[in-house]
N, C-alpha and C. Protein backbone atom coordinates (compact mmCIF):
# COMPACT_ATOMS: atom_id res chain seq x y z
N MET A 1 10.62 20.72 3.82
CA MET A 1 9.40 19.99 3.24
C MET A 1 8.20 20.10 4.21
N ALA A 2 7.16 20.47 3.74
CA ALA A 2 5.92 20.59 4.53
C ALA A 2 5.20 19.28 4.87
N GLY A 3 4.45 19.26 5.97
CA GLY A 3 3.71 18.11 6.25
C GLY A 3 4.51 17.04 7.11
N LEU A 4 3.96 15.91 7.41
CA LEU A 4 4.43 14.94 8.27
C LEU A 4 4.53 13.64 7.58
N LYS A 5 5.48 12.98 7.52
CA LYS A 5 5.68 11.59 6.83
C LYS A 5 4.94 10.69 7.67
N PRO A 6 4.10 9.81 6.97
CA PRO A 6 3.34 8.75 7.56
C PRO A 6 4.12 7.60 8.27
N ASN A 7 3.64 7.11 9.32
CA ASN A 7 4.36 6.08 9.77
C ASN A 7 4.57 4.87 8.85
N ASP A 8 5.79 4.28 8.90
CA ASP A 8 6.13 3.08 8.05
C ASP A 8 6.02 3.49 6.60
N PHE A 9 6.19 4.68 6.12
CA PHE A 9 6.18 5.01 4.65
C PHE A 9 7.42 4.59 3.99
N ASN A 10 7.31 3.81 2.95
CA ASN A 10 8.41 3.40 1.99
C ASN A 10 8.04 3.28 0.61
N TRP A 11 8.98 3.77 -0.23
CA TRP A 11 8.63 3.46 -1.73
C TRP A 11 9.09 2.08 -1.93
N ILE A 12 8.12 1.39 -2.62
CA ILE A 12 8.37 0.00 -3.11
C ILE A 12 8.91 0.12 -4.42
N ILE A 13 8.26 1.04 -5.34
CA ILE A 13 8.89 1.40 -6.60
C ILE A 13 9.10 2.75 -6.58
N GLU A 14 10.23 3.30 -6.52
CA GLU A 14 10.53 4.68 -6.35
C GLU A 14 9.84 5.65 -7.39
N GLY A 15 9.05 6.48 -6.68
CA GLY A 15 8.24 7.50 -7.59
C GLY A 15 7.06 7.01 -8.09
N LYS A 16 6.66 5.69 -7.81
CA LYS A 16 5.44 5.07 -8.32
C LYS A 16 4.52 4.30 -7.37
N LEU A 17 5.16 3.61 -6.49
CA LEU A 17 4.32 2.73 -5.65
C LEU A 17 4.82 2.90 -4.19
N ALA A 18 4.08 3.36 -3.31
CA ALA A 18 4.58 3.44 -2.05
C ALA A 18 3.57 2.74 -0.97
N VAL A 19 4.04 2.55 0.29
CA VAL A 19 3.29 1.97 1.38
C VAL A 19 3.33 2.69 2.57
N SER A 20 2.35 2.61 3.40
CA SER A 20 2.46 3.14 4.76
C SER A 20 1.35 2.56 5.64
N GLU A 21 1.23 2.92 6.95
CA GLU A 21 0.08 2.66 7.64
C GLU A 21 -0.98 3.81 7.31
N CYS A 22 -2.23 3.55 7.85
CA CYS A 22 -3.34 4.36 7.61
C CYS A 22 -2.98 5.90 7.85
N ILE A 23 -3.21 6.75 6.86
CA ILE A 23 -3.14 8.12 7.08
C ILE A 23 -3.71 8.69 8.25
N GLY A 24 -3.01 9.43 9.12
CA GLY A 24 -3.57 9.75 10.43
C GLY A 24 -3.28 8.77 11.55
N GLY A 25 -2.67 7.71 11.27
CA GLY A 25 -2.33 6.67 12.12
C GLY A 25 -3.44 5.61 12.34
N GLY A 26 -2.98 4.50 12.81
CA GLY A 26 -3.97 3.38 12.91
C GLY A 26 -4.77 3.54 14.18
N GLY A 27 -5.60 2.64 14.39
CA GLY A 27 -6.46 2.58 15.55
C GLY A 27 -7.87 3.12 15.27
N LEU A 28 -8.62 3.11 16.41
CA LEU A 28 -10.05 3.59 16.25
C LEU A 28 -10.28 5.05 16.30
N THR A 29 -9.35 5.95 16.85
CA THR A 29 -9.66 7.27 16.94
C THR A 29 -8.88 7.99 15.81
N PRO A 30 -9.57 8.65 14.98
CA PRO A 30 -9.08 9.53 14.00
C PRO A 30 -8.32 10.64 14.43
N ARG A 31 -7.12 10.99 13.92
CA ARG A 31 -6.40 12.14 14.27
C ARG A 31 -6.45 13.17 13.05
N LYS A 32 -7.34 14.07 13.03
CA LYS A 32 -7.61 15.04 12.03
C LYS A 32 -6.34 15.82 11.63
N ILE A 33 -5.67 16.44 12.73
CA ILE A 33 -4.56 17.31 12.54
C ILE A 33 -3.40 16.38 11.86
N ARG A 34 -3.27 15.38 12.46
CA ARG A 34 -2.12 14.55 11.89
C ARG A 34 -2.53 14.00 10.49
N ARG A 35 -3.77 13.51 10.18
CA ARG A 35 -4.15 13.09 8.85
C ARG A 35 -3.84 14.17 7.89
N GLU A 36 -4.24 15.54 8.21
CA GLU A 36 -3.95 16.64 7.30
C GLU A 36 -2.55 16.93 7.02
N GLU A 37 -1.73 16.75 8.05
CA GLU A 37 -0.26 16.80 7.99
C GLU A 37 0.21 15.90 6.95
N GLU A 38 -0.16 14.59 7.24
CA GLU A 38 0.33 13.61 6.55
C GLU A 38 -0.06 13.59 5.03
N ILE A 39 -1.24 14.04 4.81
CA ILE A 39 -1.88 14.28 3.43
C ILE A 39 -0.94 15.41 2.71
N GLN A 40 -0.63 16.41 3.44
CA GLN A 40 0.35 17.48 2.92
C GLN A 40 1.45 16.98 2.48
N TRP A 41 2.14 16.03 3.37
CA TRP A 41 3.41 15.56 2.93
C TRP A 41 3.36 14.46 1.76
N ILE A 42 2.35 13.63 1.78
CA ILE A 42 2.16 12.67 0.68
C ILE A 42 1.99 13.40 -0.68
N LYS A 43 1.25 14.55 -0.68
CA LYS A 43 0.99 15.23 -1.88
C LYS A 43 2.35 15.88 -2.37
N SER A 44 3.18 16.19 -1.30
CA SER A 44 4.53 16.75 -1.63
C SER A 44 5.42 15.86 -2.39
N GLN A 45 5.13 14.47 -2.19
CA GLN A 45 5.84 13.47 -2.73
C GLN A 45 5.43 13.16 -4.18
N GLY A 46 4.26 13.90 -4.64
CA GLY A 46 3.75 13.58 -5.98
C GLY A 46 2.61 12.52 -5.94
N ILE A 47 2.40 11.83 -4.80
CA ILE A 47 1.33 10.82 -4.74
C ILE A 47 0.01 11.35 -4.99
N ASN A 48 -0.67 10.80 -5.95
CA ASN A 48 -2.07 11.29 -6.34
C ASN A 48 -3.16 10.27 -6.25
N ALA A 49 -2.85 9.12 -5.65
CA ALA A 49 -3.87 8.06 -5.55
C ALA A 49 -3.68 7.19 -4.32
N ILE A 50 -4.66 6.97 -3.66
CA ILE A 50 -4.67 6.06 -2.29
C ILE A 50 -5.47 4.89 -2.66
N PHE A 51 -4.75 3.71 -2.35
CA PHE A 51 -5.30 2.30 -2.42
C PHE A 51 -5.46 1.72 -1.01
N SER A 52 -6.68 1.72 -0.50
CA SER A 52 -6.90 1.28 0.87
C SER A 52 -7.36 -0.14 0.87
N LEU A 53 -6.57 -0.87 1.83
CA LEU A 53 -6.96 -2.18 2.17
C LEU A 53 -7.74 -2.34 3.39
N LEU A 54 -8.14 -1.25 4.03
CA LEU A 54 -8.98 -1.25 5.27
C LEU A 54 -10.28 -1.94 5.08
N ASP A 55 -10.81 -2.53 6.06
CA ASP A 55 -12.21 -3.09 6.24
C ASP A 55 -13.18 -2.05 5.82
N SER A 56 -13.02 -0.89 6.38
CA SER A 56 -14.13 0.11 6.06
C SER A 56 -13.59 1.20 5.08
N ASP A 57 -14.55 2.06 4.73
CA ASP A 57 -14.10 3.23 3.88
C ASP A 57 -13.71 4.31 4.53
N PHE A 58 -13.00 4.11 5.72
CA PHE A 58 -12.42 5.10 6.56
C PHE A 58 -11.62 6.12 5.78
N ASN A 59 -11.81 7.41 5.86
CA ASN A 59 -11.03 8.53 5.21
C ASN A 59 -11.19 8.59 3.61
N LEU A 60 -11.85 7.59 2.89
CA LEU A 60 -11.84 7.69 1.55
C LEU A 60 -12.44 9.00 1.00
N LYS A 61 -13.51 9.55 1.64
CA LYS A 61 -14.17 10.70 1.16
C LYS A 61 -13.09 11.85 1.60
N ASN A 62 -12.30 11.78 2.59
CA ASN A 62 -11.47 12.93 2.87
C ASN A 62 -10.35 12.90 1.88
N TYR A 63 -9.97 11.70 1.34
CA TYR A 63 -8.81 11.69 0.30
C TYR A 63 -9.44 12.36 -0.99
N GLN A 64 -10.81 11.89 -1.39
CA GLN A 64 -11.20 12.41 -2.57
C GLN A 64 -11.38 13.99 -2.53
N GLU A 65 -11.88 14.50 -1.37
CA GLU A 65 -11.99 15.87 -1.30
C GLU A 65 -10.83 16.78 -1.42
N VAL A 66 -9.69 16.11 -1.15
CA VAL A 66 -8.35 16.79 -1.42
C VAL A 66 -7.69 16.34 -2.74
N GLY A 67 -8.44 15.77 -3.63
CA GLY A 67 -7.99 15.46 -4.92
C GLY A 67 -7.27 14.17 -5.11
N PHE A 68 -7.39 13.19 -4.28
CA PHE A 68 -6.69 11.95 -4.50
C PHE A 68 -7.74 11.06 -5.25
N ARG A 69 -7.21 10.18 -6.26
CA ARG A 69 -8.11 9.16 -6.77
C ARG A 69 -7.90 8.02 -5.67
N THR A 70 -9.01 7.38 -5.52
CA THR A 70 -9.15 6.43 -4.41
C THR A 70 -9.63 4.99 -4.93
N TYR A 71 -9.00 3.97 -4.28
CA TYR A 71 -9.26 2.61 -4.50
C TYR A 71 -9.56 1.95 -3.26
N HIS A 72 -10.59 1.19 -3.22
CA HIS A 72 -10.86 0.44 -1.80
C HIS A 72 -11.03 -1.15 -2.03
N TYR A 73 -10.16 -1.85 -1.50
CA TYR A 73 -10.26 -3.24 -1.64
C TYR A 73 -10.07 -3.92 -0.23
N PRO A 74 -11.22 -3.96 0.48
CA PRO A 74 -11.07 -4.61 1.95
C PRO A 74 -10.40 -5.83 1.94
N LEU A 75 -9.45 -6.06 2.90
CA LEU A 75 -8.74 -7.20 2.93
C LEU A 75 -9.03 -7.94 4.23
N ALA A 76 -9.45 -9.21 4.01
CA ALA A 76 -9.74 -10.10 5.27
C ALA A 76 -8.39 -10.56 5.83
N ASP A 77 -8.45 -10.91 7.07
CA ASP A 77 -7.23 -11.53 7.57
C ASP A 77 -6.69 -12.80 7.02
N ASP A 78 -7.61 -13.62 6.58
CA ASP A 78 -7.15 -14.84 5.77
C ASP A 78 -7.64 -14.49 4.35
N VAL A 79 -6.51 -14.19 3.63
CA VAL A 79 -6.86 -13.60 2.18
C VAL A 79 -6.96 -14.82 1.24
N PRO A 80 -8.09 -15.05 0.69
CA PRO A 80 -8.27 -16.09 -0.39
C PRO A 80 -7.57 -15.70 -1.55
N LYS A 81 -7.03 -16.82 -2.30
CA LYS A 81 -6.19 -16.57 -3.43
C LYS A 81 -7.08 -15.65 -4.58
N GLU A 82 -8.20 -15.86 -4.58
CA GLU A 82 -9.07 -15.17 -5.57
C GLU A 82 -9.06 -13.74 -5.36
N SER A 83 -9.10 -13.36 -4.02
CA SER A 83 -9.00 -11.97 -3.64
C SER A 83 -7.72 -11.37 -3.92
N LEU A 84 -6.63 -12.12 -3.77
CA LEU A 84 -5.30 -11.67 -4.14
C LEU A 84 -5.22 -11.30 -5.48
N ASN A 85 -5.61 -12.05 -6.55
CA ASN A 85 -5.50 -11.77 -7.89
C ASN A 85 -6.42 -10.52 -8.20
N ILE A 86 -7.50 -10.36 -7.59
CA ILE A 86 -8.30 -9.20 -7.83
C ILE A 86 -7.56 -7.84 -7.33
N ILE A 87 -6.78 -7.95 -6.29
CA ILE A 87 -6.17 -6.88 -5.62
C ILE A 87 -4.96 -6.65 -6.51
N PHE A 88 -4.09 -7.62 -6.96
CA PHE A 88 -2.90 -7.53 -7.87
C PHE A 88 -3.29 -6.90 -9.10
N GLU A 89 -4.46 -7.25 -9.67
CA GLU A 89 -5.04 -6.52 -10.96
C GLU A 89 -5.39 -5.18 -10.77
N ALA A 90 -6.01 -4.89 -9.63
CA ALA A 90 -6.32 -3.50 -9.29
C ALA A 90 -5.20 -2.61 -9.20
N ILE A 91 -4.22 -3.19 -8.48
CA ILE A 91 -2.88 -2.32 -8.45
C ILE A 91 -2.22 -2.13 -9.85
N LYS A 92 -2.27 -3.17 -10.56
CA LYS A 92 -1.64 -3.15 -11.94
C LYS A 92 -2.38 -2.03 -12.68
N GLU A 93 -3.68 -2.17 -12.65
CA GLU A 93 -4.63 -1.24 -13.40
C GLU A 93 -4.40 0.21 -12.88
N ALA A 94 -4.23 0.42 -11.59
CA ALA A 94 -4.03 1.74 -11.18
C ALA A 94 -2.72 2.40 -11.64
N LEU A 95 -1.70 1.48 -11.68
CA LEU A 95 -0.40 1.94 -12.09
C LEU A 95 -0.23 1.96 -13.56
N SER A 96 -1.16 1.51 -14.26
CA SER A 96 -1.01 1.51 -15.78
C SER A 96 -1.02 3.01 -16.39
N ASP A 97 -1.70 3.89 -15.51
CA ASP A 97 -1.58 5.38 -15.83
C ASP A 97 -0.27 5.90 -15.47
N LYS A 98 0.49 6.23 -16.50
CA LYS A 98 1.85 6.82 -16.32
C LYS A 98 2.05 7.81 -15.33
N GLU A 99 1.02 8.64 -15.10
CA GLU A 99 0.99 9.84 -14.18
C GLU A 99 0.66 9.39 -12.77
N ARG A 100 0.12 8.31 -12.58
CA ARG A 100 -0.40 7.77 -11.23
C ARG A 100 0.82 7.34 -10.28
N LYS A 101 0.66 7.96 -9.09
CA LYS A 101 1.63 7.60 -7.98
C LYS A 101 0.79 7.10 -6.88
N LEU A 102 1.04 5.84 -6.55
CA LEU A 102 0.03 5.23 -5.69
C LEU A 102 0.57 4.85 -4.32
N LEU A 103 -0.27 5.18 -3.24
CA LEU A 103 0.09 4.75 -1.87
C LEU A 103 -0.91 3.74 -1.44
N ILE A 104 -0.37 2.54 -1.03
CA ILE A 104 -1.13 1.58 -0.52
C ILE A 104 -1.16 1.62 0.95
N HIS A 105 -2.16 1.43 1.60
CA HIS A 105 -2.22 1.38 3.15
C HIS A 105 -3.31 0.44 3.68
N ARG A 106 -2.98 0.14 4.86
CA ARG A 106 -3.97 -0.59 5.77
C ARG A 106 -3.67 0.05 7.22
N GLU A 107 -4.57 -0.38 8.13
CA GLU A 107 -4.48 0.30 9.48
C GLU A 107 -2.99 0.25 10.03
N TYR A 108 -2.34 -0.86 9.91
CA TYR A 108 -0.94 -0.88 10.18
C TYR A 108 -0.22 -1.66 9.18
N LEU A 109 1.09 -1.52 9.01
CA LEU A 109 1.86 -2.41 8.13
C LEU A 109 1.99 -3.75 8.81
N ASP A 110 0.92 -4.50 8.57
CA ASP A 110 0.80 -5.82 9.35
C ASP A 110 1.45 -6.93 8.38
N GLU A 111 1.14 -8.22 8.76
CA GLU A 111 1.67 -9.27 7.98
C GLU A 111 1.33 -9.31 6.57
N GLU A 112 0.07 -9.12 6.30
CA GLU A 112 -0.47 -9.31 4.88
C GLU A 112 0.03 -8.26 3.92
N VAL A 113 0.28 -7.01 4.22
CA VAL A 113 0.61 -6.03 3.31
C VAL A 113 1.95 -6.34 2.59
N PRO A 114 2.95 -6.59 3.47
CA PRO A 114 4.31 -6.91 2.67
C PRO A 114 4.20 -7.99 1.61
N GLY A 115 3.49 -9.00 2.10
CA GLY A 115 3.19 -10.14 1.16
C GLY A 115 2.47 -9.82 -0.02
N ILE A 116 1.45 -8.94 0.08
CA ILE A 116 0.84 -8.35 -1.05
C ILE A 116 1.81 -7.69 -1.97
N LEU A 117 2.52 -6.79 -1.37
CA LEU A 117 3.38 -6.05 -2.28
C LEU A 117 4.44 -6.84 -3.03
N ALA A 118 5.04 -7.81 -2.26
CA ALA A 118 5.93 -8.75 -2.95
C ALA A 118 5.28 -9.60 -4.07
N GLY A 119 4.01 -9.93 -3.60
CA GLY A 119 3.22 -10.66 -4.67
C GLY A 119 2.83 -9.85 -5.92
N TYR A 120 2.63 -8.57 -5.73
CA TYR A 120 2.25 -7.73 -6.89
C TYR A 120 3.57 -7.77 -7.72
N LEU A 121 4.67 -7.64 -7.18
CA LEU A 121 5.93 -7.52 -8.02
C LEU A 121 6.11 -8.84 -8.88
N ILE A 122 5.58 -9.98 -8.36
CA ILE A 122 5.64 -11.13 -9.23
C ILE A 122 4.52 -11.22 -10.17
N TYR A 123 3.30 -10.85 -9.68
CA TYR A 123 2.08 -10.79 -10.58
C TYR A 123 2.21 -9.89 -11.82
N SER A 124 2.88 -8.84 -11.59
CA SER A 124 2.88 -7.81 -12.65
C SER A 124 4.10 -8.09 -13.59
N GLU A 125 4.85 -9.14 -13.21
CA GLU A 125 6.08 -9.58 -14.04
C GLU A 125 7.18 -8.58 -13.96
N LEU A 126 7.06 -7.71 -12.87
CA LEU A 126 8.40 -6.79 -12.70
C LEU A 126 9.49 -7.60 -12.06
N LEU A 127 9.19 -8.73 -11.48
CA LEU A 127 10.16 -9.75 -11.04
C LEU A 127 9.65 -11.09 -11.23
N ASP A 128 10.52 -12.06 -11.48
CA ASP A 128 10.05 -13.33 -11.83
C ASP A 128 10.45 -14.35 -10.75
N ASP A 129 11.10 -13.98 -9.72
CA ASP A 129 11.69 -14.84 -8.63
C ASP A 129 11.00 -14.41 -7.33
N PRO A 130 10.15 -15.34 -6.75
CA PRO A 130 9.53 -15.02 -5.42
C PRO A 130 10.48 -14.73 -4.38
N ILE A 131 11.66 -15.42 -4.32
CA ILE A 131 12.56 -15.17 -3.20
C ILE A 131 13.29 -13.83 -3.37
N LEU A 132 13.57 -13.42 -4.66
CA LEU A 132 14.01 -11.95 -4.81
C LEU A 132 12.86 -10.94 -4.44
N ALA A 133 11.79 -11.19 -4.70
CA ALA A 133 10.70 -10.25 -4.31
C ALA A 133 10.65 -10.23 -2.78
N ARG A 134 10.73 -11.24 -2.14
CA ARG A 134 10.59 -11.30 -0.73
C ARG A 134 11.81 -10.48 -0.15
N THR A 135 13.06 -10.85 -0.68
CA THR A 135 14.39 -10.25 -0.25
C THR A 135 14.22 -8.78 -0.41
N ILE A 136 13.71 -8.23 -1.53
CA ILE A 136 13.68 -6.80 -1.75
C ILE A 136 12.62 -6.20 -0.77
N LEU A 137 11.56 -6.74 -0.46
CA LEU A 137 10.60 -6.25 0.59
C LEU A 137 11.18 -6.15 1.97
N GLU A 138 11.91 -7.21 2.19
CA GLU A 138 12.55 -7.28 3.50
C GLU A 138 13.69 -6.21 3.67
N LYS A 139 14.34 -5.88 2.54
CA LYS A 139 15.38 -4.77 2.57
C LYS A 139 14.72 -3.45 2.71
N ILE A 140 13.65 -3.22 1.92
CA ILE A 140 12.93 -1.92 1.86
C ILE A 140 12.18 -1.63 3.33
N LEU A 141 11.66 -2.66 3.80
CA LEU A 141 10.91 -2.45 5.17
C LEU A 141 11.70 -2.76 6.32
N GLU A 142 13.08 -3.24 6.12
CA GLU A 142 13.99 -3.41 7.20
C GLU A 142 13.40 -4.39 8.16
N LYS A 143 12.65 -5.31 7.80
CA LYS A 143 12.25 -6.50 8.59
C LYS A 143 12.06 -7.82 7.80
N PRO A 144 12.04 -8.97 8.45
CA PRO A 144 11.81 -10.04 7.72
C PRO A 144 10.33 -10.22 7.45
N LEU A 145 9.95 -10.82 6.41
CA LEU A 145 8.46 -11.06 6.16
C LEU A 145 7.97 -12.41 6.96
N SER A 146 6.86 -12.37 7.42
CA SER A 146 6.39 -13.48 8.20
C SER A 146 6.08 -14.64 7.32
N PRO A 147 5.90 -15.85 7.82
CA PRO A 147 5.28 -16.95 6.98
C PRO A 147 3.94 -16.55 6.34
N LYS A 148 3.09 -15.88 7.07
CA LYS A 148 1.86 -15.47 6.50
C LYS A 148 2.02 -14.50 5.22
N ALA A 149 3.02 -13.59 5.37
CA ALA A 149 3.23 -12.86 4.21
C ALA A 149 3.84 -13.58 3.11
N ILE A 150 4.82 -14.35 3.39
CA ILE A 150 5.41 -15.23 2.31
C ILE A 150 4.46 -16.05 1.54
N ALA A 151 3.39 -16.63 2.30
CA ALA A 151 2.32 -17.44 1.62
C ALA A 151 1.44 -16.67 0.66
N LEU A 152 1.58 -15.27 0.70
CA LEU A 152 0.79 -14.43 -0.26
C LEU A 152 1.61 -14.15 -1.60
N ILE A 153 2.82 -14.49 -1.66
CA ILE A 153 3.67 -14.28 -2.80
C ILE A 153 3.48 -15.48 -3.78
N PRO A 154 2.91 -15.21 -5.03
CA PRO A 154 2.72 -16.27 -6.00
C PRO A 154 3.99 -16.83 -6.43
N ASN A 155 4.02 -18.20 -6.66
CA ASN A 155 5.14 -18.86 -7.30
C ASN A 155 5.01 -18.80 -8.74
N THR A 156 6.23 -18.60 -9.55
CA THR A 156 6.15 -18.46 -10.95
C THR A 156 6.22 -19.85 -11.59
């Protein structure tokens, strides 16, 4: 298989919704060669859209130039509930296209991202139990969700 798998890459919904840290790695210094290798690997997985939760529009133009559909929803450290619903709805809208395979990323796979992913599973009604959504994300990511992440999961 060509390319380089991004750090913390995992399928949340196999073949449909994935997560990783920022393509090319997190931090202030972009790594062009690594980014290109990771883009090649992501494309080999059939992913055709990037959903960025970064504060800046970092790399969005690069993604568009190589054919990815892009979405940008900057995520504050303290996520207001209104912002959560906007993000959940944007993910749902992106995935409504049967051909779309979406990668969500932020600089690192921090506390908020797993909570948003578990929350999306509830919001989209793929699951109806917040505890099950949390458990599934913990199993996929192989780490417990923080209290901050758990607070982002809507109660049904």
